[in-house]
Amino acid sequence: MDQEQINKNWSRSSEMYNEIIHDELDSFRPAAWIKRILENAPQKDCLNILDTGCGPGFFSIILSQKGHRVIAIDGAQGMLAKAKQNADAYGVEPVFLDMDCHSLLFVDNSFDLIVSRNVTHALRRHETVYKEWLRVLRPGGVLLIFDANWHLDRVDKKLAAENKRRREECLRVYGSTFGDQKSSPEEYEKEPHVLGGNIRPDWDVALLERVGYRNIAFDRNIIEELWDDKEKLIYGATPMFMIRAVK
């Protein structure tokens, strides 16, 4: 599947993700995410931030609310449309651009901070993207990756069975899953995954070192402070990790 088709598939899922983002914005999560992001960011009163794969705009909104300058990119038109509507509703003005992470239209050394959440598992050419992010970071700038091993249940039958059990338990306890759908478009789920059986964040750390990042650190599990009980139930077998890397 090429990138254009992937973007169309994500656009078709934008309504579901928009509902999730609205629930997040009306919860404990903005404060928890701001704490997690800014305690790992360069210490400046006003950061130039790139929100990569912004979706319906959660990071873009909460970081703009704190007075930072945010440019947010996504390749899915549906996601960008929702993000613009949400930013307007919350009275903030991040700049939203239709752009591919594999080929950024920014000059070198443009940003103090790059953030991405649940984006890197969907990339096709990780080395290309990580090099591009390094290029547009300023010296001393920070990359924060938040993601999970969403791909592993395609190759790990035990994990697939555990995820199925958790979905069923979530339906029993809460009466629904998130959006009552899987976390990715159906067409995407059918494909062999580019990450194969690689375990993250270890796989990313080796790649980030190779392309030139320094002071790389990671936290394998950050869900205690950032996920609610429903998320922990349904997704707890693949907890979200954080990678921090410096240019």
C-alpha atoms as a PDB file:
ATOM      1  CA  MET A   1       0.000   0.000   0.000  1.00  0.00           C
ATOM      2  CA  ASP A   2       1.452   3.390  -0.959  1.00  0.00           C
ATOM      3  CA  GLN A   3       1.468   6.506   1.225  1.00  0.00           C
ATOM      4  CA  GLU A   4      -1.418   8.136  -0.647  1.00  0.00           C
ATOM      5  CA  GLN A   5      -3.707   5.189   0.071  1.00  0.00           C
ATOM      6  CA  ILE A   6      -2.577   5.083   3.699  1.00  0.00           C
ATOM      7  CA  ASN A   7      -3.489   8.766   4.075  1.00  0.00           C
ATOM      8  CA  LYS A   8      -6.914   8.161   2.563  1.00  0.00           C
ATOM      9  CA  ASN A   9      -7.517   5.321   4.994  1.00  0.00           C
ATOM     10  CA  TRP A  10      -6.574   7.478   7.965  1.00  0.00           C
ATOM     11  CA  SER A  11      -8.842  10.238   6.689  1.00  0.00           C
ATOM     12  CA  ARG A  12     -11.741   7.799   6.704  1.00  0.00           C
ATOM     13  CA  SER A  13     -10.999   7.120  10.384  1.00  0.00           C
ATOM     14  CA  SER A  14     -10.797  10.798  11.334  1.00  0.00           C
ATOM     15  CA  GLU A  15     -14.298  10.978  12.822  1.00  0.00           C
ATOM     16  CA  MET A  16     -13.567   8.133  15.231  1.00  0.00           C
ATOM     17  CA  TYR A  17     -10.234   9.628  16.280  1.00  0.00           C
ATOM     18  CA  ASN A  18     -11.836  13.036  16.660  1.00  0.00           C
ATOM     19  CA  GLU A  19     -14.283  11.614  19.190  1.00  0.00           C
ATOM     20  CA  ILE A  20     -11.392  10.108  21.122  1.00  0.00           C
ATOM     21  CA  ILE A  21      -9.498  13.423  21.097  1.00  0.00           C
ATOM     22  CA  HIS A  22     -12.510  15.295  22.455  1.00  0.00           C
ATOM     23  CA  ASP A  23     -12.756  12.791  25.309  1.00  0.00           C
ATOM     24  CA  GLU A  24      -9.043  13.278  25.990  1.00  0.00           C
ATOM     25  CA  LEU A  25      -9.291  17.055  26.028  1.00  0.00           C
ATOM     26  CA  ASP A  26     -12.118  16.836  28.577  1.00  0.00           C
ATOM     27  CA  SER A  27     -10.138  14.734  31.045  1.00  0.00           C
ATOM     28  CA  PHE A  28      -7.002  14.607  33.183  1.00  0.00           C
ATOM     29  CA  ARG A  29      -4.864  13.942  30.108  1.00  0.00           C
ATOM     30  CA  PRO A  30      -3.924  17.478  28.949  1.00  0.00           C
ATOM     31  CA  ALA A  31      -2.263  18.279  32.271  1.00  0.00           C
ATOM     32  CA  ALA A  32      -0.562  14.885  32.413  1.00  0.00           C
ATOM     33  CA  TRP A  33       0.735  15.143  28.850  1.00  0.00           C
ATOM     34  CA  ILE A  34       1.941  18.727  29.287  1.00  0.00           C
ATOM     35  CA  LYS A  35       3.923  17.672  32.340  1.00  0.00           C
ATOM     36  CA  ARG A  36       5.446  14.699  30.537  1.00  0.00           C
ATOM     37  CA  ILE A  37       6.346  16.679  27.395  1.00  0.00           C
ATOM     38  CA  LEU A  38       7.655  19.896  28.933  1.00  0.00           C
ATOM     39  CA  GLU A  39       9.778  18.211  31.597  1.00  0.00           C
ATOM     40  CA  ASN A  40      11.592  16.487  28.708  1.00  0.00           C
ATOM     41  CA  ALA A  41      11.734  19.500  26.365  1.00  0.00           C
ATOM     42  CA  PRO A  42      14.404  22.185  26.071  1.00  0.00           C
ATOM     43  CA  GLN A  43      13.889  24.771  28.794  1.00  0.00           C
ATOM     44  CA  LYS A  44      12.614  27.822  26.927  1.00  0.00           C
ATOM     45  CA  ASP A  45       9.609  30.026  27.619  1.00  0.00           C
ATOM     46  CA  CYS A  46       8.431  29.765  24.024  1.00  0.00           C
ATOM     47  CA  LEU A  47       9.391  26.684  22.046  1.00  0.00           C
ATOM     48  CA  ASN A  48       9.159  26.231  18.296  1.00  0.00           C
ATOM     49  CA  ILE A  49       7.451  22.850  18.126  1.00  0.00           C
ATOM     50  CA  LEU A  50       6.710  20.463  15.257  1.00  0.00           C
ATOM     51  CA  ASP A  51       3.781  18.125  15.915  1.00  0.00           C
ATOM     52  CA  THR A  52       4.259  15.299  13.414  1.00  0.00           C
ATOM     53  CA  GLY A  53       1.245  13.247  12.385  1.00  0.00           C
ATOM     54  CA  CYS A  54      -0.950  15.552  14.442  1.00  0.00           C
ATOM     55  CA  GLY A  55      -4.244  13.767  13.814  1.00  0.00           C
ATOM     56  CA  PRO A  56      -7.183  15.779  15.201  1.00  0.00           C
ATOM     57  CA  GLY A  57      -4.772  18.089  17.001  1.00  0.00           C
ATOM     58  CA  PHE A  58      -4.483  17.013  20.643  1.00  0.00           C
ATOM     59  CA  PHE A  59      -0.789  17.884  21.114  1.00  0.00           C
ATOM     60  CA  SER A  60      -1.127  20.973  18.915  1.00  0.00           C
ATOM     61  CA  ILE A  61      -3.924  22.360  21.078  1.00  0.00           C
ATOM     62  CA  ILE A  62      -2.499  21.691  24.521  1.00  0.00           C
ATOM     63  CA  LEU A  63       0.991  22.956  23.621  1.00  0.00           C
ATOM     64  CA  SER A  64      -0.434  26.094  21.986  1.00  0.00           C
ATOM     65  CA  GLN A  65      -2.463  26.734  25.125  1.00  0.00           C
ATOM     66  CA  LYS A  66       0.840  26.930  27.016  1.00  0.00           C
ATOM     67  CA  GLY A  67       2.097  29.692  24.729  1.00  0.00           C
ATOM     68  CA  HIS A  68       4.370  27.679  22.450  1.00  0.00           C
ATOM     69  CA  ARG A  69       4.574  28.147  18.673  1.00  0.00           C
ATOM     70  CA  VAL A  70       3.297  24.956  17.063  1.00  0.00           C
ATOM     71  CA  ILE A  71       3.407  23.804  13.474  1.00  0.00           C
ATOM     72  CA  ALA A  72       1.461  20.582  12.986  1.00  0.00           C
ATOM     73  CA  ILE A  73       1.635  18.297   9.970  1.00  0.00           C
ATOM     74  CA  ASP A  74      -0.380  15.345   8.732  1.00  0.00           C
ATOM     75  CA  GLY A  75      -0.865  13.677   5.377  1.00  0.00           C
ATOM     76  CA  ALA A  76      -4.522  12.850   5.960  1.00  0.00           C
ATOM     77  CA  GLN A  77      -6.892  15.602   4.888  1.00  0.00           C
ATOM     78  CA  GLY A  78      -9.644  14.347   7.175  1.00  0.00           C
ATOM     79  CA  MET A  79      -7.380  14.573  10.215  1.00  0.00           C
ATOM     80  CA  LEU A  80      -6.251  18.099   9.328  1.00  0.00           C
ATOM     81  CA  ALA A  81      -9.836  19.282   8.883  1.00  0.00           C
ATOM     82  CA  LYS A  82     -10.757  17.990  12.343  1.00  0.00           C
ATOM     83  CA  ALA A  83      -7.606  19.487  13.864  1.00  0.00           C
ATOM     84  CA  LYS A  84      -8.383  22.946  12.473  1.00  0.00           C
ATOM     85  CA  GLN A  85     -11.958  22.782  13.789  1.00  0.00           C
ATOM     86  CA  ASN A  86     -10.753  21.688  17.217  1.00  0.00           C
ATOM     87  CA  ALA A  87      -8.085  24.393  17.450  1.00  0.00           C
ATOM     88  CA  ASP A  88     -10.687  27.030  16.555  1.00  0.00           C
ATOM     89  CA  ALA A  89     -13.025  25.667  19.217  1.00  0.00           C
ATOM     90  CA  TYR A  90     -10.276  25.922  21.850  1.00  0.00           C
ATOM     91  CA  GLY A  91      -9.186  29.393  20.778  1.00  0.00           C
ATOM     92  CA  VAL A  92      -5.634  28.550  19.722  1.00  0.00           C
ATOM     93  CA  GLU A  93      -3.820  29.016  16.415  1.00  0.00           C
ATOM     94  CA  PRO A  94      -1.280  26.323  15.621  1.00  0.00           C
ATOM     95  CA  VAL A  95      -0.349  26.188  11.944  1.00  0.00           C
ATOM     96  CA  PHE A  96      -1.655  23.035  10.237  1.00  0.00           C
ATOM     97  CA  LEU A  97       0.035  21.816   7.044  1.00  0.00           C
ATOM     98  CA  ASP A  98      -0.513  18.899   4.692  1.00  0.00           C
ATOM     99  CA  MET A  99       2.938  17.332   4.655  1.00  0.00           C
ATOM    100  CA  ASP A 100       4.669  13.949   4.559  1.00  0.00           C
ATOM    101  CA  CYS A 101       7.067  13.162   7.408  1.00  0.00           C
ATOM    102  CA  HIS A 102       9.354  11.489   4.873  1.00  0.00           C
ATOM    103  CA  SER A 103       9.982  14.806   3.080  1.00  0.00           C
ATOM    104  CA  LEU A 104       9.683  17.892   5.256  1.00  0.00           C
ATOM    105  CA  LEU A 105       9.400  21.298   3.605  1.00  0.00           C
ATOM    106  CA  PHE A 106      11.278  23.132   6.368  1.00  0.00           C
ATOM    107  CA  VAL A 107      14.780  24.560   6.399  1.00  0.00           C
ATOM    108  CA  ASP A 108      17.464  22.998   8.566  1.00  0.00           C
ATOM    109  CA  ASN A 109      17.501  23.823  12.290  1.00  0.00           C
ATOM    110  CA  SER A 110      13.884  25.037  12.467  1.00  0.00           C
ATOM    111  CA  PHE A 111      12.517  23.500  15.682  1.00  0.00           C
ATOM    112  CA  ASP A 112      13.373  23.209  19.357  1.00  0.00           C
ATOM    113  CA  LEU A 113      11.105  20.210  19.868  1.00  0.00           C
ATOM    114  CA  ILE A 114       9.514  17.523  17.702  1.00  0.00           C
ATOM    115  CA  VAL A 115       6.700  15.419  19.141  1.00  0.00           C
ATOM    116  CA  SER A 116       4.855  12.417  17.757  1.00  0.00           C
ATOM    117  CA  ARG A 117       2.243  10.149  19.298  1.00  0.00           C
ATOM    118  CA  ASN A 118       1.072   6.857  17.779  1.00  0.00           C
ATOM    119  CA  VAL A 119       2.678   7.849  14.487  1.00  0.00           C
ATOM    120  CA  THR A 120       5.968   6.021  14.092  1.00  0.00           C
ATOM    121  CA  HIS A 121       4.395   2.541  13.952  1.00  0.00           C
ATOM    122  CA  ALA A 122       2.655   3.658  10.739  1.00  0.00           C
ATOM    123  CA  LEU A 123       5.797   4.908   8.971  1.00  0.00           C
ATOM    124  CA  ARG A 124       7.078   3.146   5.889  1.00  0.00           C
ATOM    125  CA  ARG A 125      10.708   4.319   5.916  1.00  0.00           C
ATOM    126  CA  HIS A 126      11.786   5.019   9.460  1.00  0.00           C
ATOM    127  CA  GLU A 127      15.393   5.894   8.710  1.00  0.00           C
ATOM    128  CA  THR A 128      14.317   8.519   6.178  1.00  0.00           C
ATOM    129  CA  VAL A 129      11.908  10.111   8.636  1.00  0.00           C
ATOM    130  CA  TYR A 130      14.300  10.059  11.573  1.00  0.00           C
ATOM    131  CA  LYS A 131      16.943  11.745   9.411  1.00  0.00           C
ATOM    132  CA  GLU A 132      14.453  14.411   8.344  1.00  0.00           C
ATOM    133  CA  TRP A 133      13.462  15.077  11.944  1.00  0.00           C
ATOM    134  CA  LEU A 134      17.134  15.363  12.879  1.00  0.00           C
ATOM    135  CA  ARG A 135      17.731  17.791  10.017  1.00  0.00           C
ATOM    136  CA  VAL A 136      14.977  20.224  11.053  1.00  0.00           C
ATOM    137  CA  LEU A 137      15.831  20.124  14.769  1.00  0.00           C
ATOM    138  CA  ARG A 138      18.045  22.882  16.087  1.00  0.00           C
ATOM    139  CA  PRO A 139      21.311  21.911  17.792  1.00  0.00           C
ATOM    140  CA  GLY A 140      20.296  20.841  21.285  1.00  0.00           C
ATOM    141  CA  GLY A 141      16.732  20.265  20.091  1.00  0.00           C
ATOM    142  CA  VAL A 142      14.762  17.308  21.387  1.00  0.00           C
ATOM    143  CA  LEU A 143      12.765  14.567  19.687  1.00  0.00           C
ATOM    144  CA  LEU A 144      10.027  12.884  21.746  1.00  0.00           C
ATOM    145  CA  ILE A 145       8.438   9.723  20.341  1.00  0.00           C
ATOM    146  CA  PHE A 146       5.382   8.247  22.065  1.00  0.00           C
ATOM    147  CA  ASP A 147       4.196   4.940  20.634  1.00  0.00           C
ATOM    148  CA  ALA A 148       3.644   1.258  21.382  1.00  0.00           C
ATOM    149  CA  ASN A 149       4.314  -2.140  19.851  1.00  0.00           C
ATOM    150  CA  TRP A 150       0.968  -2.060  18.052  1.00  0.00           C
ATOM    151  CA  HIS A 151       2.380  -4.226  15.250  1.00  0.00           C
ATOM    152  CA  LEU A 152       3.510  -7.201  17.310  1.00  0.00           C
ATOM    153  CA  ASP A 153       0.235  -9.100  17.523  1.00  0.00           C
ATOM    154  CA  ARG A 154       0.526  -9.785  13.787  1.00  0.00           C
ATOM    155  CA  VAL A 155       3.506 -12.061  14.442  1.00  0.00           C
ATOM    156  CA  ASP A 156       2.965 -13.028  18.105  1.00  0.00           C
ATOM    157  CA  LYS A 157      -0.007 -15.376  18.463  1.00  0.00           C
ATOM    158  CA  LYS A 158       0.031 -15.220  22.261  1.00  0.00           C
ATOM    159  CA  LEU A 159      -0.110 -11.436  22.169  1.00  0.00           C
ATOM    160  CA  ALA A 160      -2.911 -11.545  19.590  1.00  0.00           C
ATOM    161  CA  ALA A 161      -4.901 -13.856  21.862  1.00  0.00           C
ATOM    162  CA  GLU A 162      -4.259 -11.623  24.879  1.00  0.00           C
ATOM    163  CA  ASN A 163      -5.349  -8.527  22.977  1.00  0.00           C
ATOM    164  CA  LYS A 164      -8.522 -10.325  21.895  1.00  0.00           C
ATOM    165  CA  ARG A 165      -9.210 -11.302  25.511  1.00  0.00           C
ATOM    166  CA  ARG A 166      -8.707  -7.717  26.627  1.00  0.00           C
ATOM    167  CA  ARG A 167     -11.069  -6.360  23.972  1.00  0.00           C
ATOM    168  CA  GLU A 168     -13.737  -8.809  25.047  1.00  0.00           C
ATOM    169  CA  GLU A 169     -13.215  -7.916  28.718  1.00  0.00           C
ATOM    170  CA  CYS A 170     -13.399  -4.227  27.856  1.00  0.00           C
ATOM    171  CA  LEU A 171     -16.724  -4.784  26.110  1.00  0.00           C
ATOM    172  CA  ARG A 172     -17.994  -6.696  29.132  1.00  0.00           C
ATOM    173  CA  VAL A 173     -16.882  -4.068  31.662  1.00  0.00           C
ATOM    174  CA  TYR A 174     -17.436  -0.827  29.727  1.00  0.00           C
ATOM    175  CA  GLY A 175     -19.859  -1.819  26.989  1.00  0.00           C
ATOM    176  CA  SER A 176     -17.565  -0.489  24.253  1.00  0.00           C
ATOM    177  CA  THR A 177     -13.989  -0.250  23.048  1.00  0.00           C
ATOM    178  CA  PHE A 178     -12.484   2.999  21.737  1.00  0.00           C
ATOM    179  CA  GLY A 179     -14.579   4.003  18.757  1.00  0.00           C
ATOM    180  CA  ASP A 180     -15.784   0.374  18.669  1.00  0.00           C
ATOM    181  CA  GLN A 181     -13.057  -0.171  16.075  1.00  0.00           C
ATOM    182  CA  LYS A 182      -9.463  -1.285  15.875  1.00  0.00           C
ATOM    183  CA  SER A 183      -6.737   1.312  16.324  1.00  0.00           C
ATOM    184  CA  SER A 184      -5.894   1.438  12.606  1.00  0.00           C
ATOM    185  CA  PRO A 185      -7.783   1.333   9.313  1.00  0.00           C
ATOM    186  CA  GLU A 186      -8.837  -2.192   8.340  1.00  0.00           C
ATOM    187  CA  GLU A 187      -6.887  -2.186   5.079  1.00  0.00           C
ATOM    188  CA  TYR A 188      -3.703  -1.275   6.950  1.00  0.00           C
ATOM    189  CA  GLU A 189      -4.218  -4.111   9.447  1.00  0.00           C
ATOM    190  CA  LYS A 190      -4.301  -6.725   6.672  1.00  0.00           C
ATOM    191  CA  GLU A 191      -0.805  -5.920   5.395  1.00  0.00           C
ATOM    192  CA  PRO A 192       2.432  -7.470   6.669  1.00  0.00           C
ATOM    193  CA  HIS A 193       3.925  -4.808   8.888  1.00  0.00           C
ATOM    194  CA  VAL A 194       7.191  -3.104   7.979  1.00  0.00           C
ATOM    195  CA  LEU A 195       8.399  -3.519  11.574  1.00  0.00           C
ATOM    196  CA  GLY A 196       7.921  -7.287  11.471  1.00  0.00           C
ATOM    197  CA  GLY A 197       8.790  -8.753  14.851  1.00  0.00           C
ATOM    198  CA  ASN A 198      11.100  -5.942  15.978  1.00  0.00           C
ATOM    199  CA  ILE A 199      10.722  -4.970  19.632  1.00  0.00           C
ATOM    200  CA  ARG A 200      10.429  -1.285  20.376  1.00  0.00           C
ATOM    201  CA  PRO A 201      11.823   1.020  21.709  1.00  0.00           C
ATOM    202  CA  ASP A 202      15.071  -0.996  21.439  1.00  0.00           C
ATOM    203  CA  TRP A 203      14.821  -1.143  17.642  1.00  0.00           C
ATOM    204  CA  ASP A 204      14.320   2.623  17.398  1.00  0.00           C
ATOM    205  CA  VAL A 205      17.204   3.409  19.733  1.00  0.00           C
ATOM    206  CA  ALA A 206      19.684   1.557  17.519  1.00  0.00           C
ATOM    207  CA  LEU A 207      18.369   3.361  14.440  1.00  0.00           C
ATOM    208  CA  LEU A 208      18.385   6.786  16.092  1.00  0.00           C
ATOM    209  CA  GLU A 209      21.997   6.261  17.169  1.00  0.00           C
ATOM    210  CA  ARG A 210      22.967   5.262  13.645  1.00  0.00           C
ATOM    211  CA  VAL A 211      21.478   8.359  12.013  1.00  0.00           C
ATOM    212  CA  GLY A 212      23.147  10.735  14.469  1.00  0.00           C
ATOM    213  CA  TYR A 213      21.024  11.475  17.539  1.00  0.00           C
ATOM    214  CA  ARG A 214      22.703  11.625  20.942  1.00  0.00           C
ATOM    215  CA  ASN A 215      21.763  11.309  24.602  1.00  0.00           C
ATOM    216  CA  ILE A 216      19.053   8.801  23.713  1.00  0.00           C
ATOM    217  CA  ALA A 217      16.923   7.571  26.593  1.00  0.00           C
ATOM    218  CA  PHE A 218      13.617   5.760  26.861  1.00  0.00           C
ATOM    219  CA  ASP A 219      10.871   4.718  29.242  1.00  0.00           C
ATOM    220  CA  ARG A 220       9.243   1.412  28.315  1.00  0.00           C
ATOM    221  CA  ASN A 221       5.959   2.071  30.066  1.00  0.00           C
ATOM    222  CA  ILE A 222       4.365   5.482  30.674  1.00  0.00           C
ATOM    223  CA  ILE A 223       0.726   4.429  30.908  1.00  0.00           C
ATOM    224  CA  GLU A 224       0.269   4.852  34.662  1.00  0.00           C
ATOM    225  CA  GLU A 225       0.145   8.631  34.446  1.00  0.00           C
ATOM    226  CA  LEU A 226      -1.319   9.010  30.942  1.00  0.00           C
ATOM    227  CA  TRP A 227      -3.940   6.293  30.411  1.00  0.00           C
ATOM    228  CA  ASP A 228      -7.230   5.742  32.197  1.00  0.00           C
ATOM    229  CA  ASP A 229      -8.419   2.362  33.444  1.00  0.00           C
ATOM    230  CA  LYS A 230     -10.224   1.523  30.218  1.00  0.00           C
ATOM    231  CA  GLU A 231      -7.108   2.154  28.138  1.00  0.00           C
ATOM    232  CA  LYS A 232      -5.003   0.116  30.542  1.00  0.00           C
ATOM    233  CA  LEU A 233      -7.424  -2.776  30.234  1.00  0.00           C
ATOM    234  CA  ILE A 234      -7.721  -2.885  26.463  1.00  0.00           C
ATOM    235  CA  TYR A 235      -4.166  -1.859  25.495  1.00  0.00           C
ATOM    236  CA  GLY A 236      -2.134  -2.833  28.564  1.00  0.00           C
ATOM    237  CA  ALA A 237      -0.397  -5.747  26.852  1.00  0.00           C
ATOM    238  CA  THR A 238       1.314  -3.217  24.562  1.00  0.00           C
ATOM    239  CA  PRO A 239       2.039  -0.246  26.853  1.00  0.00           C
ATOM    240  CA  MET A 240       3.022   3.106  25.447  1.00  0.00           C
ATOM    241  CA  PHE A 241       6.726   3.949  25.568  1.00  0.00           C
ATOM    242  CA  MET A 242       8.608   7.228  25.291  1.00  0.00           C
ATOM    243  CA  ILE A 243      11.898   7.860  23.508  1.00  0.00           C
ATOM    244  CA  ARG A 244      13.852  11.064  24.070  1.00  0.00           C
ATOM    245  CA  ALA A 245      16.707  11.917  21.699  1.00  0.00           C
ATOM    246  CA  VAL A 246      18.800  15.068  21.273  1.00  0.00           C
ATOM    247  CA  LYS A 247      20.426  16.661  18.222  1.00  0.00           C
END
